[in-house]
C-alpha cells in the first residue's frame, strides 16, 4: 500500500534493502517460505488449486532468483526504481490486490 500512497518512499525502501547480499539471501528464503506456506494452506483455503499453484510459482521464483544471482537482481531493482510513479503505483496495486486475495482465500 505504501507504493500506492507514496511511490517515492517505496522506491527508497526497496533500493536501500538491495544494497547487501544478505537482503538477496533473505528474499530468496522468504520466497521459499511463502511457497511452502501457500502450499500448506491450500487445502484449507477457498481456492486450494490457486494457492497451490501460487506456492509452486513462488518456490520456482526463489530458485530462479538464486540462479540469477545478486548482481542481476540488483540491476533489476535499479531498473524498477527508475520507472515513472504511475508504473510503481500500478505494480503496488497488483501487489495489494494479491495480498487482499491471499487474506480472503485463507480466511
PDB file of N, CA and C in Angstrom:
ATOM      1  N   UNK A   1       0.828  -1.184   0.000  1.00  0.00           N
ATOM      2  CA  UNK A   1       0.000   0.000   0.000  1.00  0.00           C
ATOM      3  C   UNK A   1       0.881   1.260   0.000  1.00  0.00           C
ATOM      4  N   UNK A   2       2.080   1.118   0.526  1.00  0.00           N
ATOM      5  CA  UNK A   2       2.986   2.260   0.540  1.00  0.00           C
ATOM      6  C   UNK A   2       3.230   2.778  -0.877  1.00  0.00           C
ATOM      7  N   UNK A   3       3.369   1.877  -1.836  1.00  0.00           N
ATOM      8  CA  UNK A   3       3.604   2.279  -3.221  1.00  0.00           C
ATOM      9  C   UNK A   3       2.436   3.005  -3.844  1.00  0.00           C
ATOM     10  N   UNK A   4       1.229   2.716  -3.376  1.00  0.00           N
ATOM     11  CA  UNK A   4       0.056   3.433  -3.881  1.00  0.00           C
ATOM     12  C   UNK A   4       0.021   4.858  -3.348  1.00  0.00           C
ATOM     13  N   UNK A   5       0.365   4.990  -2.087  1.00  0.00           N
ATOM     14  CA  UNK A   5       0.276   6.289  -1.418  1.00  0.00           C
ATOM     15  C   UNK A   5       1.491   7.158  -1.707  1.00  0.00           C
ATOM     16  N   UNK A   6       2.665   6.556  -1.596  1.00  0.00           N
ATOM     17  CA  UNK A   6       3.908   7.318  -1.755  1.00  0.00           C
ATOM     18  C   UNK A   6       4.949   6.480  -2.500  1.00  0.00           C
ATOM     19  N   UNK A   7       4.858   6.442  -3.831  1.00  0.00           N
ATOM     20  CA  UNK A   7       5.775   5.583  -4.587  1.00  0.00           C
ATOM     21  C   UNK A   7       7.253   5.921  -4.379  1.00  0.00           C
ATOM     22  N   UNK A   8       7.553   7.172  -4.175  1.00  0.00           N
ATOM     23  CA  UNK A   8       8.947   7.570  -3.943  1.00  0.00           C
ATOM     24  C   UNK A   8       9.518   6.937  -2.685  1.00  0.00           C
ATOM     25  N   UNK A   9       8.728   6.864  -1.659  1.00  0.00           N
ATOM     26  CA  UNK A   9       9.184   6.247  -0.408  1.00  0.00           C
ATOM     27  C   UNK A   9       9.394   4.741  -0.605  1.00  0.00           C
ATOM     28  N   UNK A  10       8.497   4.097  -1.329  1.00  0.00           N
ATOM     29  CA  UNK A  10       8.667   2.668  -1.608  1.00  0.00           C
ATOM     30  C   UNK A  10       9.960   2.430  -2.382  1.00  0.00           C
ATOM     31  N   UNK A  11      10.233   3.254  -3.358  1.00  0.00           N
ATOM     32  CA  UNK A  11      11.471   3.126  -4.136  1.00  0.00           C
ATOM     33  C   UNK A  11      12.683   3.242  -3.222  1.00  0.00           C
ATOM     34  N   UNK A  12      12.669   4.208  -2.303  1.00  0.00           N
ATOM     35  CA  UNK A  12      13.793   4.377  -1.381  1.00  0.00           C
ATOM     36  C   UNK A  12      13.964   3.156  -0.480  1.00  0.00           C
ATOM     37  N   UNK A  13      12.859   2.624   0.025  1.00  0.00           N
ATOM     38  CA  UNK A  13      12.919   1.460   0.908  1.00  0.00           C
ATOM     39  C   UNK A  13      13.466   0.246   0.157  1.00  0.00           C
ATOM     40  N   UNK A  14      12.932  -0.010  -1.021  1.00  0.00           N
ATOM     41  CA  UNK A  14      13.368  -1.179  -1.797  1.00  0.00           C
ATOM     42  C   UNK A  14      14.818  -1.012  -2.243  1.00  0.00           C
ATOM     43  N   UNK A  15      15.172   0.155  -2.705  1.00  0.00           N
ATOM     44  CA  UNK A  15      16.553   0.392  -3.151  1.00  0.00           C
ATOM     45  C   UNK A  15      17.543   0.230  -2.004  1.00  0.00           C
ATOM     46  N   UNK A  16      17.192   0.734  -0.829  1.00  0.00           N
ATOM     47  CA  UNK A  16      18.075   0.602   0.337  1.00  0.00           C
ATOM     48  C   UNK A  16      18.209  -0.853   0.768  1.00  0.00           C
ATOM     49  N   UNK A  17      17.129  -1.613   0.626  1.00  0.00           N
ATOM     50  CA  UNK A  17      17.162  -3.016   1.046  1.00  0.00           C
ATOM     51  C   UNK A  17      18.071  -3.855   0.154  1.00  0.00           C
ATOM     52  N   UNK A  18      18.276  -3.443  -1.089  1.00  0.00           N
ATOM     53  CA  UNK A  18      19.073  -4.240  -2.027  1.00  0.00           C
ATOM     54  C   UNK A  18      20.513  -3.777  -2.112  1.00  0.00           C
ATOM     55  N   UNK A  19      21.050  -3.253  -1.032  1.00  0.00           N
ATOM     56  CA  UNK A  19      22.442  -2.824  -1.019  1.00  0.00           C
ATOM     57  C   UNK A  19      23.389  -3.922  -0.545  1.00  0.00           C
ATOM     58  N   UNK A  20      22.847  -4.972   0.039  1.00  0.00           N
ATOM     59  CA  UNK A  20      23.720  -6.025   0.567  1.00  0.00           C
ATOM     60  C   UNK A  20      23.281  -7.396   0.071  1.00  0.00           C
ATOM     61  N   UNK A  21      24.223  -8.306   0.086  1.00  0.00           N
ATOM     62  CA  UNK A  21      23.918  -9.676  -0.327  1.00  0.00           C
ATOM     63  C   UNK A  21      22.980 -10.352   0.664  1.00  0.00           C
ATOM     64  N   UNK A  22      23.020  -9.938   1.912  1.00  0.00           N
ATOM     65  CA  UNK A  22      22.136 -10.562   2.904  1.00  0.00           C
ATOM     66  C   UNK A  22      20.671 -10.323   2.555  1.00  0.00           C
ATOM     67  N   UNK A  23      20.359  -9.181   1.966  1.00  0.00           N
ATOM     68  CA  UNK A  23      18.974  -8.920   1.551  1.00  0.00           C
ATOM     69  C   UNK A  23      18.571  -9.864   0.412  1.00  0.00           C
ATOM     70  N   UNK A  24      19.511 -10.185  -0.435  1.00  0.00           N
ATOM     71  CA  UNK A  24      19.259 -11.130  -1.526  1.00  0.00           C
ATOM     72  C   UNK A  24      18.928 -12.509  -0.955  1.00  0.00           C
ATOM     73  N   UNK A  25      19.750 -12.975  -0.025  1.00  0.00           N
ATOM     74  CA  UNK A  25      19.504 -14.285   0.574  1.00  0.00           C
ATOM     75  C   UNK A  25      18.189 -14.297   1.348  1.00  0.00           C
ATOM     76  N   UNK A  26      17.896 -13.217   2.028  1.00  0.00           N
ATOM     77  CA  UNK A  26      16.636 -13.117   2.759  1.00  0.00           C
ATOM     78  C   UNK A  26      15.451 -13.182   1.794  1.00  0.00           C
ATOM     79  N   UNK A  27      15.547 -12.504   0.662  1.00  0.00           N
ATOM     80  CA  UNK A  27      14.463 -12.519  -0.326  1.00  0.00           C
ATOM     81  C   UNK A  27      14.238 -13.921  -0.882  1.00  0.00           C
ATOM     82  N   UNK A  28      15.317 -14.634  -1.155  1.00  0.00           N
ATOM     83  CA  UNK A  28      15.187 -16.000  -1.670  1.00  0.00           C
ATOM     84  C   UNK A  28      14.537 -16.894  -0.609  1.00  0.00           C
ATOM     85  N   UNK A  29      14.995 -16.781   0.622  1.00  0.00           N
ATOM     86  CA  UNK A  29      14.432 -17.587   1.708  1.00  0.00           C
ATOM     87  C   UNK A  29      12.962 -17.260   1.927  1.00  0.00           C
ATOM     88  N   UNK A  30      12.609 -15.971   1.892  1.00  0.00           N
ATOM     89  CA  UNK A  30      11.209 -15.584   2.077  1.00  0.00           C
ATOM     90  C   UNK A  30      10.331 -16.119   0.951  1.00  0.00           C
ATOM     91  N   UNK A  31      10.839 -16.123  -0.268  1.00  0.00           N
ATOM     92  CA  UNK A  31      10.080 -16.706  -1.388  1.00  0.00           C
ATOM     93  C   UNK A  31       9.828 -18.189  -1.154  1.00  0.00           C
ATOM     94  N   UNK A  32      10.852 -18.892  -0.705  1.00  0.00           N
ATOM     95  CA  UNK A  32      10.690 -20.317  -0.418  1.00  0.00           C
ATOM     96  C   UNK A  32       9.675 -20.543   0.701  1.00  0.00           C
ATOM     97  N   UNK A  33       9.799 -19.765   1.769  1.00  0.00           N
ATOM     98  CA  UNK A  33       8.878 -19.892   2.903  1.00  0.00           C
ATOM     99  C   UNK A  33       7.452 -19.568   2.472  1.00  0.00           C
ATOM    100  N   UNK A  34       7.288 -18.517   1.667  1.00  0.00           N
ATOM    101  CA  UNK A  34       5.957 -18.166   1.169  1.00  0.00           C
ATOM    102  C   UNK A  34       5.389 -19.312   0.341  1.00  0.00           C
ATOM    103  N   UNK A  35       6.207 -19.889  -0.522  1.00  0.00           N
ATOM    104  CA  UNK A  35       5.747 -21.003  -1.341  1.00  0.00           C
ATOM    105  C   UNK A  35       5.309 -22.183  -0.491  1.00  0.00           C
ATOM    106  N   UNK A  36       6.095 -22.525   0.500  1.00  0.00           N
ATOM    107  CA  UNK A  36       5.750 -23.630   1.392  1.00  0.00           C
ATOM    108  C   UNK A  36       4.472 -23.316   2.160  1.00  0.00           C
ATOM    109  N   UNK A  37       4.365 -22.077   2.641  1.00  0.00           N
ATOM    110  CA  UNK A  37       3.163 -21.679   3.391  1.00  0.00           C
ATOM    111  C   UNK A  37       1.916 -21.729   2.511  1.00  0.00           C
ATOM    112  N   UNK A  38       2.037 -21.269   1.281  1.00  0.00           N
ATOM    113  CA  UNK A  38       0.884 -21.295   0.373  1.00  0.00           C
ATOM    114  C   UNK A  38       0.458 -22.726   0.073  1.00  0.00           C
ATOM    115  N   UNK A  39       1.422 -23.589  -0.169  1.00  0.00           N
ATOM    116  CA  UNK A  39       1.091 -24.993  -0.435  1.00  0.00           C
ATOM    117  C   UNK A  39       0.473 -25.626   0.802  1.00  0.00           C
ATOM    118  N   UNK A  40       1.009 -25.315   1.968  1.00  0.00           N
ATOM    119  CA  UNK A  40       0.471 -25.859   3.206  1.00  0.00           C
ATOM    120  C   UNK A  40      -0.926 -25.367   3.523  1.00  0.00           C
ATOM    121  N   UNK A  41      -1.217 -24.115   3.182  1.00  0.00           N
ATOM    122  CA  UNK A  41      -2.524 -23.531   3.478  1.00  0.00           C
ATOM    123  C   UNK A  41      -3.552 -23.827   2.391  1.00  0.00           C
ATOM    124  N   UNK A  42      -3.116 -24.333   1.273  1.00  0.00           N
ATOM    125  CA  UNK A  42      -4.000 -24.508   0.115  1.00  0.00           C
ATOM    126  C   UNK A  42      -5.200 -25.389   0.427  1.00  0.00           C
ATOM    127  N   UNK A  43      -4.993 -26.528   1.068  1.00  0.00           N
ATOM    128  CA  UNK A  43      -6.091 -27.477   1.261  1.00  0.00           C
ATOM    129  C   UNK A  43      -7.219 -26.919   2.122  1.00  0.00           C
ATOM    130  N   UNK A  44      -6.907 -26.014   3.037  1.00  0.00           N
ATOM    131  CA  UNK A  44      -7.944 -25.431   3.885  1.00  0.00           C
ATOM    132  C   UNK A  44      -8.441 -24.086   3.417  1.00  0.00           C
ATOM    133  N   UNK A  45      -8.099 -23.709   2.197  1.00  0.00           N
ATOM    134  CA  UNK A  45      -8.463 -22.383   1.701  1.00  0.00           C
ATOM    135  C   UNK A  45      -9.689 -22.434   0.807  1.00  0.00           C
ATOM    136  N   UNK A  46     -10.135 -21.249   0.414  1.00  0.00           N
ATOM    137  CA  UNK A  46     -11.262 -21.139  -0.521  1.00  0.00           C
ATOM    138  C   UNK A  46     -10.854 -21.494  -1.951  1.00  0.00           C
ATOM    139  N   UNK A  47      -9.584 -21.382  -2.241  1.00  0.00           N
ATOM    140  CA  UNK A  47      -9.057 -21.621  -3.590  1.00  0.00           C
ATOM    141  C   UNK A  47      -7.836 -22.539  -3.515  1.00  0.00           C
ATOM    142  N   UNK A  48      -8.037 -23.808  -3.187  1.00  0.00           N
ATOM    143  CA  UNK A  48      -6.884 -24.692  -2.970  1.00  0.00           C
ATOM    144  C   UNK A  48      -5.979 -24.857  -4.195  1.00  0.00           C
ATOM    145  N   UNK A  49      -6.557 -24.997  -5.369  1.00  0.00           N
ATOM    146  CA  UNK A  49      -5.723 -25.163  -6.563  1.00  0.00           C
ATOM    147  C   UNK A  49      -4.909 -23.907  -6.844  1.00  0.00           C
ATOM    148  N   UNK A  50      -5.552 -22.756  -6.722  1.00  0.00           N
ATOM    149  CA  UNK A  50      -4.874 -21.490  -6.992  1.00  0.00           C
ATOM    150  C   UNK A  50      -3.729 -21.268  -6.015  1.00  0.00           C
ATOM    151  N   UNK A  51      -3.986 -21.498  -4.722  1.00  0.00           N
ATOM    152  CA  UNK A  51      -2.926 -21.301  -3.740  1.00  0.00           C
ATOM    153  C   UNK A  51      -1.794 -22.299  -3.936  1.00  0.00           C
ATOM    154  N   UNK A  52      -2.120 -23.520  -4.304  1.00  0.00           N
ATOM    155  CA  UNK A  52      -1.070 -24.497  -4.581  1.00  0.00           C
ATOM    156  C   UNK A  52      -0.200 -24.075  -5.748  1.00  0.00           C
ATOM    157  N   UNK A  53      -0.825 -23.598  -6.807  1.00  0.00           N
ATOM    158  CA  UNK A  53      -0.076 -23.126  -7.976  1.00  0.00           C
ATOM    159  C   UNK A  53       0.773 -21.909  -7.618  1.00  0.00           C
ATOM    160  N   UNK A  54       0.203 -20.969  -6.863  1.00  0.00           N
ATOM    161  CA  UNK A  54       0.966 -19.793  -6.439  1.00  0.00           C
ATOM    162  C   UNK A  54       2.156 -20.191  -5.570  1.00  0.00           C
ATOM    163  N   UNK A  55       1.956 -21.212  -4.735  1.00  0.00           N
ATOM    164  CA  UNK A  55       3.061 -21.705  -3.914  1.00  0.00           C
ATOM    165  C   UNK A  55       4.186 -22.269  -4.764  1.00  0.00           C
ATOM    166  N   UNK A  56       3.825 -23.029  -5.769  1.00  0.00           N
ATOM    167  CA  UNK A  56       4.837 -23.584  -6.677  1.00  0.00           C
ATOM    168  C   UNK A  56       5.544 -22.464  -7.429  1.00  0.00           C
ATOM    169  N   UNK A  57       4.781 -21.485  -7.901  1.00  0.00           N
ATOM    170  CA  UNK A  57       5.379 -20.339  -8.614  1.00  0.00           C
ATOM    171  C   UNK A  57       6.356 -19.607  -7.704  1.00  0.00           C
ATOM    172  N   UNK A  58       5.982 -19.412  -6.445  1.00  0.00           N
ATOM    173  CA  UNK A  58       6.856 -18.723  -5.506  1.00  0.00           C
ATOM    174  C   UNK A  58       8.157 -19.486  -5.291  1.00  0.00           C
ATOM    175  N   UNK A  59       8.059 -20.796  -5.176  1.00  0.00           N
ATOM    176  CA  UNK A  59       9.262 -21.602  -4.980  1.00  0.00           C
ATOM    177  C   UNK A  59      10.145 -21.605  -6.231  1.00  0.00           C
ATOM    178  N   UNK A  60       9.528 -21.671  -7.404  1.00  0.00           N
ATOM    179  CA  UNK A  60      10.301 -21.596  -8.651  1.00  0.00           C
ATOM    180  C   UNK A  60      10.963 -20.227  -8.771  1.00  0.00           C
ATOM    181  N   UNK A  61      10.240 -19.169  -8.381  1.00  0.00           N
ATOM    182  CA  UNK A  61      10.815 -17.814  -8.414  1.00  0.00           C
ATOM    183  C   UNK A  61      12.033 -17.720  -7.507  1.00  0.00           C
ATOM    184  N   UNK A  62      11.993 -18.385  -6.359  1.00  0.00           N
ATOM    185  CA  UNK A  62      13.149 -18.390  -5.458  1.00  0.00           C
ATOM    186  C   UNK A  62      14.339 -19.085  -6.123  1.00  0.00           C
ATOM    187  N   UNK A  63      14.072 -20.185  -6.792  1.00  0.00           N
ATOM    188  CA  UNK A  63      15.158 -20.903  -7.477  1.00  0.00           C
ATOM    189  C   UNK A  63      15.728 -20.086  -8.634  1.00  0.00           C
ATOM    190  N   UNK A  64      14.848 -19.433  -9.387  1.00  0.00           N
ATOM    191  CA  UNK A  64      15.300 -18.585 -10.496  1.00  0.00           C
ATOM    192  C   UNK A  64      16.118 -17.417  -9.959  1.00  0.00           C
ATOM    193  N   UNK A  65      15.630 -16.785  -8.899  1.00  0.00           N
ATOM    194  CA  UNK A  65      16.352 -15.653  -8.308  1.00  0.00           C
ATOM    195  C   UNK A  65      17.735 -16.087  -7.831  1.00  0.00           C
ATOM    196  N   UNK A  66      17.796 -17.240  -7.182  1.00  0.00           N
ATOM    197  CA  UNK A  66      19.097 -17.695  -6.689  1.00  0.00           C
ATOM    198  C   UNK A  66      20.042 -18.036  -7.839  1.00  0.00           C
ATOM    199  N   UNK A  67      19.506 -18.522  -8.952  1.00  0.00           N
ATOM    200  CA  UNK A  67      20.372 -18.839 -10.092  1.00  0.00           C
ATOM    201  C   UNK A  67      20.815 -17.578 -10.833  1.00  0.00           C
ATOM    202  N   UNK A  68      19.982 -16.541 -10.828  1.00  0.00           N
ATOM    203  CA  UNK A  68      20.373 -15.280 -11.469  1.00  0.00           C
ATOM    204  C   UNK A  68      21.473 -14.575 -10.684  1.00  0.00           C
ATOM    205  N   UNK A  69      21.370 -14.628  -9.375  1.00  0.00           N
ATOM    206  CA  UNK A  69      22.382 -14.017  -8.531  1.00  0.00           C
ATOM    207  C   UNK A  69      22.064 -12.589  -8.128  1.00  0.00           C
ATOM    208  N   UNK A  70      22.819 -12.142  -7.165  1.00  0.00           N
ATOM    209  CA  UNK A  70      22.613 -10.840  -6.541  1.00  0.00           C
ATOM    210  C   UNK A  70      22.734  -9.685  -7.531  1.00  0.00           C
ATOM    211  N   UNK A  71      23.771  -9.685  -8.346  1.00  0.00           N
ATOM    212  CA  UNK A  71      24.004  -8.544  -9.240  1.00  0.00           C
ATOM    213  C   UNK A  71      22.900  -8.381 -10.283  1.00  0.00           C
ATOM    214  N   UNK A  72      22.389  -9.470 -10.819  1.00  0.00           N
ATOM    215  CA  UNK A  72      21.304  -9.372 -11.805  1.00  0.00           C
ATOM    216  C   UNK A  72      20.021  -8.841 -11.164  1.00  0.00           C
ATOM    217  N   UNK A  73      19.716  -9.336  -9.977  1.00  0.00           N
ATOM    218  CA  UNK A  73      18.506  -8.844  -9.310  1.00  0.00           C
ATOM    219  C   UNK A  73      18.671  -7.407  -8.842  1.00  0.00           C
ATOM    220  N   UNK A  74      19.865  -7.049  -8.455  1.00  0.00           N
ATOM    221  CA  UNK A  74      20.122  -5.653  -8.080  1.00  0.00           C
ATOM    222  C   UNK A  74      19.949  -4.736  -9.291  1.00  0.00           C
ATOM    223  N   UNK A  75      20.391  -5.185 -10.454  1.00  0.00           N
ATOM    224  CA  UNK A  75      20.194  -4.412 -11.685  1.00  0.00           C
ATOM    225  C   UNK A  75      18.705  -4.280 -11.991  1.00  0.00           C
ATOM    226  N   UNK A  76      17.951  -5.339 -11.758  1.00  0.00           N
ATOM    227  CA  UNK A  76      16.506  -5.269 -11.964  1.00  0.00           C
ATOM    228  C   UNK A  76      15.880  -4.252 -11.023  1.00  0.00           C
ATOM    229  N   UNK A  77      16.303  -4.232  -9.768  1.00  0.00           N
ATOM    230  CA  UNK A  77      15.766  -3.259  -8.803  1.00  0.00           C
ATOM    231  C   UNK A  77      16.102  -1.840  -9.258  1.00  0.00           C
ATOM    232  N   UNK A  78      17.314  -1.632  -9.773  1.00  0.00           N
ATOM    233  CA  UNK A  78      17.662  -0.292 -10.282  1.00  0.00           C
ATOM    234  C   UNK A  78      16.773   0.081 -11.463  1.00  0.00           C
ATOM    235  N   UNK A  79      16.521  -0.866 -12.374  1.00  0.00           N
ATOM    236  CA  UNK A  79      15.622  -0.613 -13.499  1.00  0.00           C
ATOM    237  C   UNK A  79      14.226  -0.269 -12.992  1.00  0.00           C
ATOM    238  N   UNK A  80      13.716  -1.079 -12.060  1.00  0.00           N
ATOM    239  CA  UNK A  80      12.382  -0.881 -11.489  1.00  0.00           C
ATOM    240  C   UNK A  80      12.285   0.498 -10.823  1.00  0.00           C
ATOM    241  N   UNK A  81      13.306   0.867 -10.073  1.00  0.00           N
ATOM    242  CA  UNK A  81      13.296   2.146  -9.346  1.00  0.00           C
ATOM    243  C   UNK A  81      13.321   3.343 -10.287  1.00  0.00           C
ATOM    244  N   UNK A  82      13.803   3.162 -11.507  1.00  0.00           N
ATOM    245  CA  UNK A  82      13.869   4.267 -12.473  1.00  0.00           C
ATOM    246  C   UNK A  82      12.568   4.455 -13.243  1.00  0.00           C
ATOM    247  N   UNK A  83      11.595   3.592 -13.033  1.00  0.00           N
ATOM    248  CA  UNK A  83      10.305   3.709 -13.728  1.00  0.00           C
ATOM    249  C   UNK A  83       9.520   4.897 -13.174  1.00  0.00           C
ATOM    250  N   UNK A  84       8.574   5.404 -13.962  1.00  0.00           N
ATOM    251  CA  UNK A  84       7.740   6.524 -13.510  1.00  0.00           C
ATOM    252  C   UNK A  84       6.830   6.114 -12.344  1.00  0.00           C
ATOM    253  N   UNK A  85       6.358   7.111 -11.621  1.00  0.00           N
ATOM    254  CA  UNK A  85       5.481   6.862 -10.469  1.00  0.00           C
ATOM    255  C   UNK A  85       4.232   6.064 -10.837  1.00  0.00           C
ATOM    256  N   UNK A  86       3.687   6.300 -12.015  1.00  0.00           N
ATOM    257  CA  UNK A  86       2.490   5.563 -12.430  1.00  0.00           C
ATOM    258  C   UNK A  86       2.786   4.065 -12.539  1.00  0.00           C
ATOM    259  N   UNK A  87       3.956   3.706 -13.008  1.00  0.00           N
ATOM    260  CA  UNK A  87       4.352   2.304 -13.098  1.00  0.00           C
ATOM    261  C   UNK A  87       4.467   1.700 -11.696  1.00  0.00           C
ATOM    262  N   UNK A  88       5.106   2.425 -10.783  1.00  0.00           N
ATOM    263  CA  UNK A  88       5.278   1.945  -9.409  1.00  0.00           C
ATOM    264  C   UNK A  88       3.912   1.780  -8.753  1.00  0.00           C
ATOM    265  N   UNK A  89       3.031   2.744  -8.974  1.00  0.00           N
ATOM    266  CA  UNK A  89       1.680   2.635  -8.402  1.00  0.00           C
ATOM    267  C   UNK A  89       0.925   1.433  -8.973  1.00  0.00           C
ATOM    268  N   UNK A  90       1.046   1.195 -10.269  1.00  0.00           N
ATOM    269  CA  UNK A  90       0.379   0.041 -10.881  1.00  0.00           C
ATOM    270  C   UNK A  90       0.939  -1.255 -10.296  1.00  0.00           C
ATOM    271  N   UNK A  91       2.246  -1.338 -10.157  1.00  0.00           N
ATOM    272  CA  UNK A  91       2.888  -2.504  -9.569  1.00  0.00           C
ATOM    273  C   UNK A  91       2.402  -2.685  -8.128  1.00  0.00           C
ATOM    274  N   UNK A  92       2.326  -1.594  -7.375  1.00  0.00           N
ATOM    275  CA  UNK A  92       1.866  -1.656  -5.983  1.00  0.00           C
ATOM    276  C   UNK A  92       0.395  -2.061  -5.909  1.00  0.00           C
ATOM    277  N   UNK A  93      -0.393  -1.630  -6.870  1.00  0.00           N
ATOM    278  CA  UNK A  93      -1.805  -2.027  -6.894  1.00  0.00           C
ATOM    279  C   UNK A  93      -1.930  -3.535  -7.103  1.00  0.00           C
ATOM    280  N   UNK A  94      -1.154  -4.071  -8.022  1.00  0.00           N
ATOM    281  CA  UNK A  94      -1.176  -5.520  -8.256  1.00  0.00           C
ATOM    282  C   UNK A  94      -0.748  -6.259  -6.983  1.00  0.00           C
ATOM    283  N   UNK A  95       0.299  -5.783  -6.324  1.00  0.00           N
ATOM    284  CA  UNK A  95       0.763  -6.418  -5.087  1.00  0.00           C
ATOM    285  C   UNK A  95      -0.292  -6.332  -3.985  1.00  0.00           C
ATOM    286  N   UNK A  96      -0.980  -5.200  -3.883  1.00  0.00           N
ATOM    287  CA  UNK A  96      -2.027  -5.030  -2.878  1.00  0.00           C
ATOM    288  C   UNK A  96      -3.207  -5.957  -3.157  1.00  0.00           C
ATOM    289  N   UNK A  97      -3.625  -6.037  -4.408  1.00  0.00           N
ATOM    290  CA  UNK A  97      -4.724  -6.934  -4.778  1.00  0.00           C
ATOM    291  C   UNK A  97      -4.341  -8.383  -4.480  1.00  0.00           C
ATOM    292  N   UNK A  98      -3.103  -8.745  -4.766  1.00  0.00           N
ATOM    293  CA  UNK A  98      -2.621 -10.086  -4.462  1.00  0.00           C
ATOM    294  C   UNK A  98      -2.693 -10.348  -2.957  1.00  0.00           C
ATOM    295  N   UNK A  99      -2.261  -9.400  -2.150  1.00  0.00           N
ATOM    296  CA  UNK A  99      -2.320  -9.551  -0.699  1.00  0.00           C
ATOM    297  C   UNK A  99      -3.752  -9.685  -0.191  1.00  0.00           C
ATOM    298  N   UNK A 100      -4.654  -8.871  -0.719  1.00  0.00           N
ATOM    299  CA  UNK A 100      -6.062  -8.960  -0.327  1.00  0.00           C
ATOM    300  C   UNK A 100      -6.640 -10.319  -0.724  1.00  0.00           C
ATOM    301  N   UNK A 101      -6.278 -10.780  -1.913  1.00  0.00           N
ATOM    302  CA  UNK A 101      -6.727 -12.098  -2.346  1.00  0.00           C
ATOM    303  C   UNK A 101      -6.241 -13.194  -1.386  1.00  0.00           C
ATOM    304  N   UNK A 102      -4.976 -13.129  -0.994  1.00  0.00           N
ATOM    305  CA  UNK A 102      -4.432 -14.141  -0.076  1.00  0.00           C
ATOM    306  C   UNK A 102      -5.178 -14.125   1.257  1.00  0.00           C
ATOM    307  N   UNK A 103      -5.439 -12.945   1.784  1.00  0.00           N
ATOM    308  CA  UNK A 103      -6.178 -12.847   3.058  1.00  0.00           C
ATOM    309  C   UNK A 103      -7.574 -13.438   2.889  1.00  0.00           C
ATOM    310  N   UNK A 104      -8.249 -13.096   1.809  1.00  0.00           N
ATOM    311  CA  UNK A 104      -9.593 -13.625   1.559  1.00  0.00           C
ATOM    312  C   UNK A 104      -9.551 -15.151   1.389  1.00  0.00           C
ATOM    313  N   UNK A 105      -8.567 -15.641   0.665  1.00  0.00           N
ATOM    314  CA  UNK A 105      -8.500 -17.067   0.355  1.00  0.00           C
ATOM    315  C   UNK A 105      -8.304 -17.921   1.606  1.00  0.00           C
ATOM    316  N   UNK A 106      -7.583 -17.419   2.580  1.00  0.00           N
ATOM    317  CA  UNK A 106      -7.304 -18.231   3.771  1.00  0.00           C
ATOM    318  C   UNK A 106      -8.184 -17.870   4.960  1.00  0.00           C
ATOM    319  N   UNK A 107      -9.049 -16.889   4.810  1.00  0.00           N
ATOM    320  CA  UNK A 107      -9.908 -16.503   5.943  1.00  0.00           C
ATOM    321  C   UNK A 107     -11.161 -17.338   6.005  1.00  0.00           C
TER     322      UNK A 107
END
